PDB file of N, CA and C in Angstrom:
ATOM      1  N   MET A   1      -9.317  -2.549  -5.462  1.00  0.00           N
ATOM      2  CA  MET A   1      -8.871  -3.811  -4.963  1.00  0.00           C
ATOM      3  C   MET A   1      -7.864  -3.466  -3.782  1.00  0.00           C
ATOM      4  N   PRO A   2      -7.696  -4.389  -2.820  1.00  0.00           N
ATOM      5  CA  PRO A   2      -6.685  -4.114  -1.812  1.00  0.00           C
ATOM      6  C   PRO A   2      -5.270  -4.176  -2.303  1.00  0.00           C
ATOM      7  N   LEU A   3      -4.391  -3.489  -1.688  1.00  0.00           N
ATOM      8  CA  LEU A   3      -2.991  -3.452  -2.065  1.00  0.00           C
ATOM      9  C   LEU A   3      -2.413  -4.850  -1.889  1.00  0.00           C
ATOM     10  N   SER A   4      -2.881  -5.618  -0.920  1.00  0.00           N
ATOM     11  CA  SER A   4      -2.417  -7.022  -0.699  1.00  0.00           C
ATOM     12  C   SER A   4      -2.603  -7.953  -1.890  1.00  0.00           C
ATOM     13  N   MET A   5      -3.471  -7.560  -2.857  1.00  0.00           N
ATOM     14  CA  MET A   5      -3.746  -8.491  -3.978  1.00  0.00           C
ATOM     15  C   MET A   5      -2.903  -8.119  -5.237  1.00  0.00           C
ATOM     16  N   VAL A   6      -2.111  -7.012  -5.111  1.00  0.00           N
ATOM     17  CA  VAL A   6      -1.299  -6.584  -6.275  1.00  0.00           C
ATOM     18  C   VAL A   6      -0.064  -7.486  -6.422  1.00  0.00           C
ATOM     19  N   PRO A   7       0.170  -8.002  -7.623  1.00  0.00           N
ATOM     20  CA  PRO A   7       1.338  -8.830  -7.858  1.00  0.00           C
ATOM     21  C   PRO A   7       2.700  -8.030  -7.838  1.00  0.00           C
ATOM     22  N   GLU A   8       3.742  -8.695  -7.564  1.00  0.00           N
ATOM     23  CA  GLU A   8       5.050  -8.042  -7.526  1.00  0.00           C
ATOM     24  C   GLU A   8       5.340  -7.465  -8.898  1.00  0.00           C
ATOM     25  N   GLY A   9       6.027  -6.315  -8.879  1.00  0.00           N
ATOM     26  CA  GLY A   9       6.397  -5.633 -10.076  1.00  0.00           C
ATOM     27  C   GLY A   9       5.330  -4.622 -10.588  1.00  0.00           C
ATOM     28  N   SER A  10       4.113  -4.682 -10.058  1.00  0.00           N
ATOM     29  CA  SER A  10       3.003  -3.875 -10.578  1.00  0.00           C
ATOM     30  C   SER A  10       3.029  -2.503  -9.859  1.00  0.00           C
ATOM     31  N   GLU A  11       2.541  -1.539 -10.682  1.00  0.00           N
ATOM     32  CA  GLU A  11       2.390  -0.156 -10.151  1.00  0.00           C
ATOM     33  C   GLU A  11       0.951   0.101 -10.080  1.00  0.00           C
ATOM     34  N   VAL A  12       0.485   0.749  -8.906  1.00  0.00           N
ATOM     35  CA  VAL A  12      -0.857   1.102  -8.719  1.00  0.00           C
ATOM     36  C   VAL A  12      -0.951   2.520  -8.099  1.00  0.00           C
ATOM     37  N   VAL A  13      -2.143   3.070  -8.014  1.00  0.00           N
ATOM     38  CA  VAL A  13      -2.389   4.371  -7.408  1.00  0.00           C
ATOM     39  C   VAL A  13      -3.342   4.095  -6.204  1.00  0.00           C
ATOM     40  N   ILE A  14      -3.029   4.740  -5.126  1.00  0.00           N
ATOM     41  CA  ILE A  14      -3.863   4.678  -3.914  1.00  0.00           C
ATOM     42  C   ILE A  14      -5.094   5.485  -4.148  1.00  0.00           C
ATOM     43  N   VAL A  15      -6.299   4.860  -3.861  1.00  0.00           N
ATOM     44  CA  VAL A  15      -7.548   5.560  -4.079  1.00  0.00           C
ATOM     45  C   VAL A  15      -8.294   5.817  -2.735  1.00  0.00           C
ATOM     46  N   GLY A  16      -8.001   5.027  -1.711  1.00  0.00           N
ATOM     47  CA  GLY A  16      -8.680   5.216  -0.451  1.00  0.00           C
ATOM     48  C   GLY A  16      -8.244   4.215   0.576  1.00  0.00           C
ATOM     49  N   PHE A  17      -8.887   4.179   1.729  1.00  0.00           N
ATOM     50  CA  PHE A  17      -8.550   3.354   2.824  1.00  0.00           C
ATOM     51  C   PHE A  17      -9.832   2.807   3.512  1.00  0.00           C
ATOM     52  N   LYS A  18      -9.768   1.651   4.142  1.00  0.00           N
ATOM     53  CA  LYS A  18     -10.785   1.112   4.995  1.00  0.00           C
ATOM     54  C   LYS A  18     -10.335   1.181   6.394  1.00  0.00           C
ATOM     55  N   GLY A  19     -10.735   2.121   7.091  1.00  0.00           N
ATOM     56  CA  GLY A  19     -10.304   2.271   8.504  1.00  0.00           C
ATOM     57  C   GLY A  19     -10.721   3.643   9.091  1.00  0.00           C
ATOM     58  N   GLY A  20     -10.489   3.786  10.304  1.00  0.00           N
ATOM     59  CA  GLY A  20     -10.841   4.958  11.091  1.00  0.00           C
ATOM     60  C   GLY A  20      -9.875   6.099  10.836  1.00  0.00           C
ATOM     61  N   ALA A  21     -10.129   7.288  11.472  1.00  0.00           N
ATOM     62  CA  ALA A  21      -9.356   8.464  11.269  1.00  0.00           C
ATOM     63  C   ALA A  21      -7.916   8.236  11.752  1.00  0.00           C
ATOM     64  N   ARG A  22      -7.724   7.526  12.873  1.00  0.00           N
ATOM     65  CA  ARG A  22      -6.387   7.314  13.391  1.00  0.00           C
ATOM     66  C   ARG A  22      -5.585   6.508  12.427  1.00  0.00           C
ATOM     67  N   PHE A  23      -6.180   5.484  11.868  1.00  0.00           N
ATOM     68  CA  PHE A  23      -5.546   4.589  10.940  1.00  0.00           C
ATOM     69  C   PHE A  23      -5.145   5.335   9.679  1.00  0.00           C
ATOM     70  N   VAL A  24      -6.064   6.162   9.123  1.00  0.00           N
ATOM     71  CA  VAL A  24      -5.746   6.916   7.963  1.00  0.00           C
ATOM     72  C   VAL A  24      -4.652   7.959   8.197  1.00  0.00           C
ATOM     73  N   GLN A  25      -4.616   8.547   9.371  1.00  0.00           N
ATOM     74  CA  GLN A  25      -3.626   9.494   9.706  1.00  0.00           C
ATOM     75  C   GLN A  25      -2.236   8.800   9.837  1.00  0.00           C
ATOM     76  N   LYS A  26      -2.178   7.576  10.420  1.00  0.00           N
ATOM     77  CA  LYS A  26      -0.976   6.835  10.487  1.00  0.00           C
ATOM     78  C   LYS A  26      -0.426   6.557   9.086  1.00  0.00           C
ATOM     79  N   LEU A  27      -1.226   6.208   8.195  1.00  0.00           N
ATOM     80  CA  LEU A  27      -0.830   5.882   6.817  1.00  0.00           C
ATOM     81  C   LEU A  27      -0.352   7.186   6.154  1.00  0.00           C
ATOM     82  N   ALA A  28      -1.049   8.334   6.341  1.00  0.00           N
ATOM     83  CA  ALA A  28      -0.697   9.572   5.798  1.00  0.00           C
ATOM     84  C   ALA A  28       0.731   9.942   6.257  1.00  0.00           C
ATOM     85  N   ASP A  29       0.984   9.732   7.495  1.00  0.00           N
ATOM     86  CA  ASP A  29       2.328  10.012   8.073  1.00  0.00           C
ATOM     87  C   ASP A  29       3.423   9.271   7.445  1.00  0.00           C
ATOM     88  N   MET A  30       3.046   8.084   6.955  1.00  0.00           N
ATOM     89  CA  MET A  30       4.082   7.222   6.214  1.00  0.00           C
ATOM     90  C   MET A  30       4.120   7.604   4.747  1.00  0.00           C
ATOM     91  N   GLY A  31       3.244   8.404   4.309  1.00  0.00           N
ATOM     92  CA  GLY A  31       3.315   8.843   2.832  1.00  0.00           C
ATOM     93  C   GLY A  31       2.176   8.251   2.009  1.00  0.00           C
ATOM     94  N   PHE A  32       1.317   7.419   2.648  1.00  0.00           N
ATOM     95  CA  PHE A  32       0.215   6.769   1.865  1.00  0.00           C
ATOM     96  C   PHE A  32      -0.934   7.777   1.824  1.00  0.00           C
ATOM     97  N   VAL A  33      -1.084   8.457   0.715  1.00  0.00           N
ATOM     98  CA  VAL A  33      -2.199   9.381   0.522  1.00  0.00           C
ATOM     99  C   VAL A  33      -2.817   9.089  -0.838  1.00  0.00           C
ATOM    100  N   PRO A  34      -4.095   9.392  -0.956  1.00  0.00           N
ATOM    101  CA  PRO A  34      -4.771   9.113  -2.226  1.00  0.00           C
ATOM    102  C   PRO A  34      -4.062   9.830  -3.368  1.00  0.00           C
ATOM    103  N   GLY A  35      -3.895   9.164  -4.519  1.00  0.00           N
ATOM    104  CA  GLY A  35      -3.302   9.756  -5.684  1.00  0.00           C
ATOM    105  C   GLY A  35      -1.839   9.464  -5.813  1.00  0.00           C
ATOM    106  N   THR A  36      -1.219   8.772  -4.745  1.00  0.00           N
ATOM    107  CA  THR A  36       0.197   8.489  -4.774  1.00  0.00           C
ATOM    108  C   THR A  36       0.406   7.151  -5.462  1.00  0.00           C
ATOM    109  N   ARG A  37       1.380   7.042  -6.262  1.00  0.00           N
ATOM    110  CA  ARG A  37       1.827   5.855  -7.004  1.00  0.00           C
ATOM    111  C   ARG A  37       2.618   4.965  -6.053  1.00  0.00           C
ATOM    112  N   VAL A  38       2.364   3.681  -6.130  1.00  0.00           N
ATOM    113  CA  VAL A  38       3.020   2.654  -5.336  1.00  0.00           C
ATOM    114  C   VAL A  38       3.430   1.507  -6.244  1.00  0.00           C
ATOM    115  N   LYS A  39       4.654   1.050  -6.110  1.00  0.00           N
ATOM    116  CA  LYS A  39       5.130  -0.124  -6.823  1.00  0.00           C
ATOM    117  C   LYS A  39       5.411  -1.220  -5.818  1.00  0.00           C
ATOM    118  N   VAL A  40       4.880  -2.441  -6.134  1.00  0.00           N
ATOM    119  CA  VAL A  40       5.000  -3.567  -5.202  1.00  0.00           C
ATOM    120  C   VAL A  40       6.317  -4.275  -5.594  1.00  0.00           C
ATOM    121  N   ILE A  41       7.206  -4.282  -4.581  1.00  0.00           N
ATOM    122  CA  ILE A  41       8.539  -4.903  -4.759  1.00  0.00           C
ATOM    123  C   ILE A  41       8.444  -6.363  -4.363  1.00  0.00           C
ATOM    124  N   ARG A  42       7.861  -6.632  -3.167  1.00  0.00           N
ATOM    125  CA  ARG A  42       7.725  -8.001  -2.748  1.00  0.00           C
ATOM    126  C   ARG A  42       6.325  -8.247  -2.231  1.00  0.00           C
ATOM    127  N   ASN A  43       5.720  -9.358  -2.644  1.00  0.00           N
ATOM    128  CA  ASN A  43       4.365  -9.718  -2.159  1.00  0.00           C
ATOM    129  C   ASN A  43       4.336 -11.273  -2.185  1.00  0.00           C
ATOM    130  N   GLN A  44       4.888 -11.834  -1.166  1.00  0.00           N
ATOM    131  CA  GLN A  44       4.855 -13.269  -1.109  1.00  0.00           C
ATOM    132  C   GLN A  44       3.971 -13.690   0.065  1.00  0.00           C
ATOM    133  N   ARG A  45       3.662 -15.011   0.175  1.00  0.00           N
ATOM    134  CA  ARG A  45       2.689 -15.489   1.148  1.00  0.00           C
ATOM    135  C   ARG A  45       3.131 -15.124   2.597  1.00  0.00           C
ATOM    136  N   GLY A  46       4.436 -15.368   2.934  1.00  0.00           N
ATOM    137  CA  GLY A  46       4.848 -15.064   4.279  1.00  0.00           C
ATOM    138  C   GLY A  46       5.555 -13.771   4.411  1.00  0.00           C
ATOM    139  N   GLY A  47       5.403 -13.148   5.511  1.00  0.00           N
ATOM    140  CA  GLY A  47       6.052 -11.903   5.782  1.00  0.00           C
ATOM    141  C   GLY A  47       5.377 -10.739   5.254  1.00  0.00           C
ATOM    142  N   PRO A  48       5.956  -9.523   5.498  1.00  0.00           N
ATOM    143  CA  PRO A  48       5.397  -8.251   5.098  1.00  0.00           C
ATOM    144  C   PRO A  48       5.509  -7.984   3.586  1.00  0.00           C
ATOM    145  N   MET A  49       4.728  -7.116   3.136  1.00  0.00           N
ATOM    146  CA  MET A  49       4.922  -6.550   1.743  1.00  0.00           C
ATOM    147  C   MET A  49       5.979  -5.543   1.733  1.00  0.00           C
ATOM    148  N   ILE A  50       6.696  -5.455   0.689  1.00  0.00           N
ATOM    149  CA  ILE A  50       7.642  -4.328   0.494  1.00  0.00           C
ATOM    150  C   ILE A  50       7.236  -3.527  -0.724  1.00  0.00           C
ATOM    151  N   VAL A  51       7.033  -2.229  -0.471  1.00  0.00           N
ATOM    152  CA  VAL A  51       6.535  -1.363  -1.536  1.00  0.00           C
ATOM    153  C   VAL A  51       7.515  -0.173  -1.754  1.00  0.00           C
ATOM    154  N   LEU A  52       7.502   0.310  -2.954  1.00  0.00           N
ATOM    155  CA  LEU A  52       8.311   1.528  -3.252  1.00  0.00           C
ATOM    156  C   LEU A  52       7.328   2.673  -3.299  1.00  0.00           C
ATOM    157  N   LEU A  53       7.547   3.601  -2.364  1.00  0.00           N
ATOM    158  CA  LEU A  53       6.530   4.701  -2.233  1.00  0.00           C
ATOM    159  C   LEU A  53       7.429   6.016  -2.393  1.00  0.00           C
ATOM    160  N   ARG A  54       7.174   6.709  -3.415  1.00  0.00           N
ATOM    161  CA  ARG A  54       8.006   7.819  -3.821  1.00  0.00           C
ATOM    162  C   ARG A  54       9.432   7.366  -4.018  1.00  0.00           C
ATOM    163  N   GLU A  55      10.323   7.738  -3.109  1.00  0.00           N
ATOM    164  CA  GLU A  55      11.769   7.314  -3.379  1.00  0.00           C
ATOM    165  C   GLU A  55      12.209   6.359  -2.262  1.00  0.00           C
ATOM    166  N   GLY A  56      11.315   5.837  -1.477  1.00  0.00           N
ATOM    167  CA  GLY A  56      11.761   4.922  -0.372  1.00  0.00           C
ATOM    168  C   GLY A  56      11.008   3.661  -0.369  1.00  0.00           C
ATOM    169  N   ARG A  57      11.596   2.684   0.215  1.00  0.00           N
ATOM    170  CA  ARG A  57      10.976   1.378   0.318  1.00  0.00           C
ATOM    171  C   ARG A  57      10.416   1.271   1.763  1.00  0.00           C
ATOM    172  N   LEU A  58       9.178   0.720   1.826  1.00  0.00           N
ATOM    173  CA  LEU A  58       8.549   0.492   3.123  1.00  0.00           C
ATOM    174  C   LEU A  58       8.083  -0.980   3.222  1.00  0.00           C
ATOM    175  N   ALA A  59       8.145  -1.506   4.393  1.00  0.00           N
ATOM    176  CA  ALA A  59       7.583  -2.821   4.615  1.00  0.00           C
ATOM    177  C   ALA A  59       6.237  -2.593   5.486  1.00  0.00           C
ATOM    178  N   ILE A  60       5.247  -3.237   4.920  1.00  0.00           N
ATOM    179  CA  ILE A  60       3.913  -3.034   5.627  1.00  0.00           C
ATOM    180  C   ILE A  60       3.309  -4.459   5.867  1.00  0.00           C
ATOM    181  N   GLY A  61       2.644  -4.598   6.955  1.00  0.00           N
ATOM    182  CA  GLY A  61       1.982  -5.882   7.286  1.00  0.00           C
ATOM    183  C   GLY A  61       0.845  -6.185   6.268  1.00  0.00           C
ATOM    184  N   ARG A  62       0.519  -7.428   6.221  1.00  0.00           N
ATOM    185  CA  ARG A  62      -0.563  -7.799   5.344  1.00  0.00           C
ATOM    186  C   ARG A  62      -1.902  -7.192   5.769  1.00  0.00           C
ATOM    187  N   GLY A  63      -2.141  -7.079   7.114  1.00  0.00           N
ATOM    188  CA  GLY A  63      -3.382  -6.445   7.595  1.00  0.00           C
ATOM    189  C   GLY A  63      -3.544  -5.053   7.138  1.00  0.00           C
ATOM    190  N   VAL A  64      -2.497  -4.302   7.157  1.00  0.00           N
ATOM    191  CA  VAL A  64      -2.522  -2.923   6.671  1.00  0.00           C
ATOM    192  C   VAL A  64      -2.759  -2.891   5.191  1.00  0.00           C
ATOM    193  N   ALA A  65      -2.063  -3.779   4.500  1.00  0.00           N
ATOM    194  CA  ALA A  65      -2.154  -3.799   2.999  1.00  0.00           C
ATOM    195  C   ALA A  65      -3.596  -4.124   2.574  1.00  0.00           C
ATOM    196  N   MET A  66      -4.335  -4.967   3.368  1.00  0.00           N
ATOM    197  CA  MET A  66      -5.702  -5.310   3.096  1.00  0.00           C
ATOM    198  C   MET A  66      -6.648  -4.064   3.165  1.00  0.00           C
ATOM    199  N   LYS A  67      -6.229  -3.055   3.846  1.00  0.00           N
ATOM    200  CA  LYS A  67      -7.038  -1.919   4.142  1.00  0.00           C
ATOM    201  C   LYS A  67      -6.693  -0.760   3.179  1.00  0.00           C
ATOM    202  N   VAL A  68      -5.738  -0.860   2.375  1.00  0.00           N
ATOM    203  CA  VAL A  68      -5.336   0.175   1.394  1.00  0.00           C
ATOM    204  C   VAL A  68      -6.021  -0.202   0.059  1.00  0.00           C
ATOM    205  N   GLU A  69      -6.906   0.670  -0.417  1.00  0.00           N
ATOM    206  CA  GLU A  69      -7.527   0.446  -1.701  1.00  0.00           C
ATOM    207  C   GLU A  69      -6.786   1.106  -2.833  1.00  0.00           C
ATOM    208  N   VAL A  70      -6.504   0.345  -3.863  1.00  0.00           N
ATOM    209  CA  VAL A  70      -5.747   0.847  -5.017  1.00  0.00           C
ATOM    210  C   VAL A  70      -6.446   0.547  -6.307  1.00  0.00           C
ATOM    211  N   GLU A  71      -5.948   1.151  -7.398  1.00  0.00           N
ATOM    212  CA  GLU A  71      -6.372   0.783  -8.785  1.00  0.00           C
ATOM    213  C   GLU A  71      -5.205   0.801  -9.715  1.00  0.00           C
ATOM    214  N   GLY A  72      -5.246  -0.010 -10.696  1.00  0.00           N
ATOM    215  CA  GLY A  72      -4.142  -0.093 -11.640  1.00  0.00           C
ATOM    216  C   GLY A  72      -3.904   1.121 -12.482  1.00  0.00           C
ATOM    217  N   LEU A  73      -2.755   1.203 -13.111  1.00  0.00           N
ATOM    218  CA  LEU A  73      -2.495   2.374 -13.934  1.00  0.00           C
ATOM    219  C   LEU A  73      -2.880   2.078 -15.358  1.00  0.00           C
TER     220      LEU A  73
END
């Protein structure tokens, strides 16, 4: 399922991406790599998603979140 569909407070694991090599590299540079746990802090209709990735919080746009494939723990 896409990261954008994960409810607030849930933890998931990144399993893959829908995008080209440059997009995947950009995400990897931010720490989004398959096998990494992500906790959704904020996922509301308006504005970016806020996720806890390792020990830092990141804000990502909804378009990016739609291309990050995750599965529940």
